[in-house]
Amino acid sequence: ENAKSTVYLQMNSLEPEDTAVYYCAAG
């Protein structure tokens, strides 16, 4: 939308092993 972009991460069926700090990165 305009000059801004949004990236989504939909996470379903989450498991205890998914516990973490999540980072978004651009390169």
PDB file of all heavy atoms in Angstrom:
ATOM      1  N   GLU A   1       0.858  -1.180   0.000  1.00  0.00           N
ATOM      2  CA  GLU A   1       0.000   0.000   0.000  1.00  0.00           C
ATOM      3  C   GLU A   1       0.891   1.226   0.000  1.00  0.00           C
ATOM      4  O   GLU A   1       1.614   1.479   0.964  1.00  0.00           O
ATOM      5  CB  GLU A   1      -0.916   0.004   1.227  1.00  0.00           C
ATOM      6  CG  GLU A   1      -1.886   1.158   1.251  1.00  0.00           C
ATOM      7  CD  GLU A   1      -2.898   1.055   2.383  1.00  0.00           C
ATOM      8  OE1 GLU A   1      -2.955   0.000   3.023  1.00  0.00           O
ATOM      9  OE2 GLU A   1      -3.604   2.027   2.641  1.00  0.00           O
ATOM     10  N   ASN A   2       0.827   1.979  -1.085  1.00  0.00           N
ATOM     11  CA  ASN A   2       1.643   3.182  -1.237  1.00  0.00           C
ATOM     12  C   ASN A   2       3.121   2.852  -1.046  1.00  0.00           C
ATOM     13  O   ASN A   2       3.643   1.935  -1.626  1.00  0.00           O
ATOM     14  CB  ASN A   2       1.163   4.277  -0.277  1.00  0.00           C
ATOM     15  CG  ASN A   2      -0.268   4.670  -0.553  1.00  0.00           C
ATOM     16  OD1 ASN A   2      -0.693   4.721  -1.717  1.00  0.00           O
ATOM     17  ND2 ASN A   2      -1.024   4.916   0.487  1.00  0.00           N
ATOM     18  N   ALA A   3       3.801   3.573  -0.183  1.00  0.00           N
ATOM     19  CA  ALA A   3       5.238   3.382  -0.015  1.00  0.00           C
ATOM     20  C   ALA A   3       5.576   2.363   1.059  1.00  0.00           C
ATOM     21  O   ALA A   3       6.744   2.138   1.351  1.00  0.00           O
ATOM     22  CB  ALA A   3       5.887   4.721   0.336  1.00  0.00           C
ATOM     23  N   LYS A   4       4.559   1.746   1.627  1.00  0.00           N
ATOM     24  CA  LYS A   4       4.802   0.821   2.729  1.00  0.00           C
ATOM     25  C   LYS A   4       4.320  -0.578   2.333  1.00  0.00           C
ATOM     26  O   LYS A   4       3.251  -0.735   1.762  1.00  0.00           O
ATOM     27  CB  LYS A   4       4.056   1.293   3.973  1.00  0.00           C
ATOM     28  CG  LYS A   4       4.414   0.538   5.241  1.00  0.00           C
ATOM     29  CD  LYS A   4       3.714   1.164   6.443  1.00  0.00           C
ATOM     30  CE  LYS A   4       4.288   2.533   6.759  1.00  0.00           C
ATOM     31  NZ  LYS A   4       3.737   3.076   8.023  1.00  0.00           N
ATOM     32  N   SER A   5       5.142  -1.572   2.641  1.00  0.00           N
ATOM     33  CA  SER A   5       4.771  -2.956   2.374  1.00  0.00           C
ATOM     34  C   SER A   5       4.690  -3.702   3.691  1.00  0.00           C
ATOM     35  O   SER A   5       5.465  -3.454   4.612  1.00  0.00           O
ATOM     36  CB  SER A   5       5.820  -3.615   1.472  1.00  0.00           C
ATOM     37  OG  SER A   5       5.927  -2.939   0.244  1.00  0.00           O
ATOM     38  N   THR A   6       3.748  -4.621   3.770  1.00  0.00           N
ATOM     39  CA  THR A   6       3.577  -5.422   4.978  1.00  0.00           C
ATOM     40  C   THR A   6       3.709  -6.887   4.613  1.00  0.00           C
ATOM     41  O   THR A   6       3.088  -7.354   3.656  1.00  0.00           O
ATOM     42  CB  THR A   6       2.212  -5.157   5.614  1.00  0.00           C
ATOM     43  OG1 THR A   6       2.075  -3.757   5.863  1.00  0.00           O
ATOM     44  CG2 THR A   6       2.087  -5.910   6.933  1.00  0.00           C
ATOM     45  N   VAL A   7       4.519  -7.581   5.396  1.00  0.00           N
ATOM     46  CA  VAL A   7       4.726  -9.023   5.198  1.00  0.00           C
ATOM     47  C   VAL A   7       4.156  -9.734   6.414  1.00  0.00           C
ATOM     48  O   VAL A   7       4.464  -9.366   7.554  1.00  0.00           O
ATOM     49  CB  VAL A   7       6.218  -9.353   5.038  1.00  0.00           C
ATOM     50  CG1 VAL A   7       6.399 -10.833   4.751  1.00  0.00           C
ATOM     51  CG2 VAL A   7       6.834  -8.511   3.932  1.00  0.00           C
ATOM     52  N   TYR A   8       3.318 -10.720   6.176  1.00  0.00           N
ATOM     53  CA  TYR A   8       2.673 -11.449   7.253  1.00  0.00           C
ATOM     54  C   TYR A   8       3.232 -12.873   7.346  1.00  0.00           C
ATOM     55  O   TYR A   8       3.565 -13.490   6.334  1.00  0.00           O
ATOM     56  CB  TYR A   8       1.167 -11.535   7.014  1.00  0.00           C
ATOM     57  CG  TYR A   8       0.492 -10.204   6.878  1.00  0.00           C
ATOM     58  CD1 TYR A   8       0.205  -9.665   5.622  1.00  0.00           C
ATOM     59  CD2 TYR A   8       0.142  -9.469   8.004  1.00  0.00           C
ATOM     60  CE1 TYR A   8      -0.415  -8.440   5.498  1.00  0.00           C
ATOM     61  CE2 TYR A   8      -0.491  -8.237   7.882  1.00  0.00           C
ATOM     62  CZ  TYR A   8      -0.766  -7.729   6.630  1.00  0.00           C
ATOM     63  OH  TYR A   8      -1.375  -6.507   6.513  1.00  0.00           O
ATOM     64  N   LEU A   9       3.283 -13.373   8.573  1.00  0.00           N
ATOM     65  CA  LEU A   9       3.592 -14.783   8.787  1.00  0.00           C
ATOM     66  C   LEU A   9       2.452 -15.369   9.605  1.00  0.00           C
ATOM     67  O   LEU A   9       2.335 -15.095  10.802  1.00  0.00           O
ATOM     68  CB  LEU A   9       4.931 -14.957   9.517  1.00  0.00           C
ATOM     69  CG  LEU A   9       5.362 -16.408   9.727  1.00  0.00           C
ATOM     70  CD1 LEU A   9       5.684 -17.067   8.383  1.00  0.00           C
ATOM     71  CD2 LEU A   9       6.575 -16.487  10.657  1.00  0.00           C
ATOM     72  N   GLN A  10       1.592 -16.111   8.926  1.00  0.00           N
ATOM     73  CA  GLN A  10       0.490 -16.787   9.606  1.00  0.00           C
ATOM     74  C   GLN A  10       0.995 -18.122  10.129  1.00  0.00           C
ATOM     75  O   GLN A  10       1.482 -18.945   9.348  1.00  0.00           O
ATOM     76  CB  GLN A  10      -0.670 -17.003   8.627  1.00  0.00           C
ATOM     77  CG  GLN A  10      -1.847 -17.761   9.224  1.00  0.00           C
ATOM     78  CD  GLN A  10      -2.575 -16.993  10.295  1.00  0.00           C
ATOM     79  OE1 GLN A  10      -2.901 -15.824  10.125  1.00  0.00           O
ATOM     80  NE2 GLN A  10      -2.816 -17.637  11.430  1.00  0.00           N
ATOM     81  N   MET A  11       0.887 -18.311  11.426  1.00  0.00           N
ATOM     82  CA  MET A  11       1.401 -19.526  12.060  1.00  0.00           C
ATOM     83  C   MET A  11       0.239 -20.291  12.674  1.00  0.00           C
ATOM     84  O   MET A  11      -0.429 -19.785  13.590  1.00  0.00           O
ATOM     85  CB  MET A  11       2.435 -19.170  13.135  1.00  0.00           C
ATOM     86  CG  MET A  11       3.567 -18.282  12.611  1.00  0.00           C
ATOM     87  SD  MET A  11       4.852 -17.992  13.843  1.00  0.00           S
ATOM     88  CE  MET A  11       3.938 -17.050  15.062  1.00  0.00           C
ATOM     89  N   ASN A  12      -0.017 -21.478  12.162  1.00  0.00           N
ATOM     90  CA  ASN A  12      -1.094 -22.329  12.649  1.00  0.00           C
ATOM     91  C   ASN A  12      -0.522 -23.594  13.279  1.00  0.00           C
ATOM     92  O   ASN A  12       0.643 -23.940  13.075  1.00  0.00           O
ATOM     93  CB  ASN A  12      -2.028 -22.708  11.491  1.00  0.00           C
ATOM     94  CG  ASN A  12      -2.686 -21.500  10.856  1.00  0.00           C
ATOM     95  OD1 ASN A  12      -2.988 -20.507  11.518  1.00  0.00           O
ATOM     96  ND2 ASN A  12      -2.923 -21.565   9.555  1.00  0.00           N
ATOM     97  N   SER A  13      -1.364 -24.287  14.025  1.00  0.00           N
ATOM     98  CA  SER A  13      -0.961 -25.555  14.667  1.00  0.00           C
ATOM     99  C   SER A  13       0.373 -25.405  15.393  1.00  0.00           C
ATOM    100  O   SER A  13       1.282 -26.226  15.243  1.00  0.00           O
ATOM    101  CB  SER A  13      -0.872 -26.665  13.614  1.00  0.00           C
ATOM    102  OG  SER A  13      -2.100 -26.835  12.950  1.00  0.00           O
ATOM    103  N   LEU A  14       0.473 -24.359  16.173  1.00  0.00           N
ATOM    104  CA  LEU A  14       1.746 -24.064  16.837  1.00  0.00           C
ATOM    105  C   LEU A  14       2.106 -25.140  17.850  1.00  0.00           C
ATOM    106  O   LEU A  14       1.235 -25.725  18.515  1.00  0.00           O
ATOM    107  CB  LEU A  14       1.679 -22.698  17.509  1.00  0.00           C
ATOM    108  CG  LEU A  14       1.834 -21.524  16.525  1.00  0.00           C
ATOM    109  CD1 LEU A  14       1.312 -20.236  17.137  1.00  0.00           C
ATOM    110  CD2 LEU A  14       3.288 -21.364  16.106  1.00  0.00           C
ATOM    111  N   GLU A  15       3.404 -25.369  17.946  1.00  0.00           N
ATOM    112  CA  GLU A  15       3.959 -26.385  18.836  1.00  0.00           C
ATOM    113  C   GLU A  15       4.926 -25.722  19.815  1.00  0.00           C
ATOM    114  O   GLU A  15       5.472 -24.651  19.511  1.00  0.00           O
ATOM    115  CB  GLU A  15       4.699 -27.432  17.996  1.00  0.00           C
ATOM    116  CG  GLU A  15       3.860 -28.085  16.932  1.00  0.00           C
ATOM    117  CD  GLU A  15       4.686 -28.890  15.944  1.00  0.00           C
ATOM    118  OE1 GLU A  15       5.937 -28.852  16.027  1.00  0.00           O
ATOM    119  OE2 GLU A  15       4.070 -29.574  15.089  1.00  0.00           O
ATOM    120  N   PRO A  16       5.139 -26.339  20.977  1.00  0.00           N
ATOM    121  CA  PRO A  16       6.113 -25.755  21.928  1.00  0.00           C
ATOM    122  C   PRO A  16       7.482 -25.513  21.300  1.00  0.00           C
ATOM    123  O   PRO A  16       8.161 -24.548  21.670  1.00  0.00           O
ATOM    124  CB  PRO A  16       6.177 -26.808  23.030  1.00  0.00           C
ATOM    125  CG  PRO A  16       4.828 -27.454  22.997  1.00  0.00           C
ATOM    126  CD  PRO A  16       4.449 -27.486  21.540  1.00  0.00           C
ATOM    127  N   GLU A  17       7.849 -26.327  20.332  1.00  0.00           N
ATOM    128  CA  GLU A  17       9.151 -26.177  19.659  1.00  0.00           C
ATOM    129  C   GLU A  17       9.216 -24.904  18.813  1.00  0.00           C
ATOM    130  O   GLU A  17      10.288 -24.504  18.356  1.00  0.00           O
ATOM    131  CB  GLU A  17       9.435 -27.385  18.766  1.00  0.00           C
ATOM    132  CG  GLU A  17       9.668 -28.696  19.515  1.00  0.00           C
ATOM    133  CD  GLU A  17       8.395 -29.294  20.091  1.00  0.00           C
ATOM    134  OE1 GLU A  17       7.310 -28.983  19.562  1.00  0.00           O
ATOM    135  OE2 GLU A  17       8.497 -30.072  21.064  1.00  0.00           O
ATOM    136  N   ASP A  18       8.076 -24.265  18.568  1.00  0.00           N
ATOM    137  CA  ASP A  18       8.061 -23.008  17.819  1.00  0.00           C
ATOM    138  C   ASP A  18       8.372 -21.809  18.705  1.00  0.00           C
ATOM    139  O   ASP A  18       8.490 -20.683  18.208  1.00  0.00           O
ATOM    140  CB  ASP A  18       6.688 -22.802  17.158  1.00  0.00           C
ATOM    141  CG  ASP A  18       6.380 -23.867  16.124  1.00  0.00           C
ATOM    142  OD1 ASP A  18       7.279 -24.200  15.329  1.00  0.00           O
ATOM    143  OD2 ASP A  18       5.229 -24.351  16.108  1.00  0.00           O
ATOM    144  N   THR A  19       8.495 -22.019  19.996  1.00  0.00           N
ATOM    145  CA  THR A  19       8.792 -20.936  20.917  1.00  0.00           C
ATOM    146  C   THR A  19      10.157 -20.336  20.606  1.00  0.00           C
ATOM    147  O   THR A  19      11.163 -21.045  20.552  1.00  0.00           O
ATOM    148  CB  THR A  19       8.764 -21.443  22.370  1.00  0.00           C
ATOM    149  OG1 THR A  19       7.438 -21.863  22.688  1.00  0.00           O
ATOM    150  CG2 THR A  19       9.207 -20.354  23.331  1.00  0.00           C
ATOM    151  N   ALA A  20      10.180 -19.021  20.390  1.00  0.00           N
ATOM    152  CA  ALA A  20      11.414 -18.331  20.028  1.00  0.00           C
ATOM    153  C   ALA A  20      11.113 -16.847  19.879  1.00  0.00           C
ATOM    154  O   ALA A  20       9.941 -16.435  19.882  1.00  0.00           O
ATOM    155  CB  ALA A  20      11.970 -18.862  18.703  1.00  0.00           C
ATOM    156  N   VAL A  21      12.163 -16.061  19.730  1.00  0.00           N
ATOM    157  CA  VAL A  21      12.010 -14.684  19.272  1.00  0.00           C
ATOM    158  C   VAL A  21      12.039 -14.717  17.746  1.00  0.00           C
ATOM    159  O   VAL A  21      12.947 -15.291  17.151  1.00  0.00           O
ATOM    160  CB  VAL A  21      13.136 -13.777  19.812  1.00  0.00           C
ATOM    161  CG1 VAL A  21      12.969 -12.355  19.261  1.00  0.00           C
ATOM    162  CG2 VAL A  21      13.135 -13.766  21.336  1.00  0.00           C
ATOM    163  N   TYR A  22      11.034 -14.123  17.164  1.00  0.00           N
ATOM    164  CA  TYR A  22      10.907 -14.104  15.707  1.00  0.00           C
ATOM    165  C   TYR A  22      11.326 -12.734  15.177  1.00  0.00           C
ATOM    166  O   TYR A  22      10.910 -11.699  15.714  1.00  0.00           O
ATOM    167  CB  TYR A  22       9.475 -14.418  15.288  1.00  0.00           C
ATOM    168  CG  TYR A  22       9.153 -15.881  15.389  1.00  0.00           C
ATOM    169  CD1 TYR A  22       9.043 -16.511  16.633  1.00  0.00           C
ATOM    170  CD2 TYR A  22       8.975 -16.659  14.251  1.00  0.00           C
ATOM    171  CE1 TYR A  22       8.770 -17.865  16.732  1.00  0.00           C
ATOM    172  CE2 TYR A  22       8.685 -18.010  14.338  1.00  0.00           C
ATOM    173  CZ  TYR A  22       8.592 -18.609  15.584  1.00  0.00           C
ATOM    174  OH  TYR A  22       8.321 -19.960  15.678  1.00  0.00           O
ATOM    175  N   TYR A  23      12.123 -12.761  14.120  1.00  0.00           N
ATOM    176  CA  TYR A  23      12.630 -11.545  13.508  1.00  0.00           C
ATOM    177  C   TYR A  23      12.238 -11.491  12.040  1.00  0.00           C
ATOM    178  O   TYR A  23      12.294 -12.488  11.336  1.00  0.00           O
ATOM    179  CB  TYR A  23      14.160 -11.489  13.576  1.00  0.00           C
ATOM    180  CG  TYR A  23      14.748 -11.485  14.955  1.00  0.00           C
ATOM    181  CD1 TYR A  23      15.079 -12.681  15.604  1.00  0.00           C
ATOM    182  CD2 TYR A  23      14.997 -10.285  15.624  1.00  0.00           C
ATOM    183  CE1 TYR A  23      15.627 -12.680  16.872  1.00  0.00           C
ATOM    184  CE2 TYR A  23      15.554 -10.277  16.891  1.00  0.00           C
ATOM    185  CZ  TYR A  23      15.863 -11.481  17.504  1.00  0.00           C
ATOM    186  OH  TYR A  23      16.413 -11.476  18.766  1.00  0.00           O
ATOM    187  N   CYS A  24      11.908 -10.295  11.592  1.00  0.00           N
ATOM    188  CA  CYS A  24      11.741 -10.038  10.173  1.00  0.00           C
ATOM    189  C   CYS A  24      13.007  -9.342   9.679  1.00  0.00           C
ATOM    190  O   CYS A  24      13.572  -8.495  10.390  1.00  0.00           O
ATOM    191  CB  CYS A  24      10.521  -9.155   9.944  1.00  0.00           C
ATOM    192  SG  CYS A  24      10.175  -8.794   8.209  1.00  0.00           S
ATOM    193  N   ALA A  25      13.456  -9.702   8.485  1.00  0.00           N
ATOM    194  CA  ALA A  25      14.685  -9.127   7.948  1.00  0.00           C
ATOM    195  C   ALA A  25      14.527  -8.832   6.466  1.00  0.00           C
ATOM    196  O   ALA A  25      13.793  -9.532   5.751  1.00  0.00           O
ATOM    197  CB  ALA A  25      15.856 -10.082   8.163  1.00  0.00           C
ATOM    198  N   ALA A  26      15.217  -7.810   6.013  1.00  0.00           N
ATOM    199  CA  ALA A  26      15.214  -7.430   4.596  1.00  0.00           C
ATOM    200  C   ALA A  26      16.653  -7.362   4.100  1.00  0.00           C
ATOM    201  O   ALA A  26      17.555  -6.944   4.841  1.00  0.00           O
ATOM    202  CB  ALA A  26      14.518  -6.088   4.401  1.00  0.00           C
ATOM    203  N   GLY A  27      16.846  -7.785   2.835  1.00  0.00           N
ATOM    204  CA  GLY A  27      18.202  -7.813   2.312  1.00  0.00           C
ATOM    205  C   GLY A  27      18.252  -7.526   0.829  1.00  0.00           C
ATOM    206  O   GLY A  27      17.272  -7.099   0.223  1.00  0.00           O
TER     207      GLY A  27
END
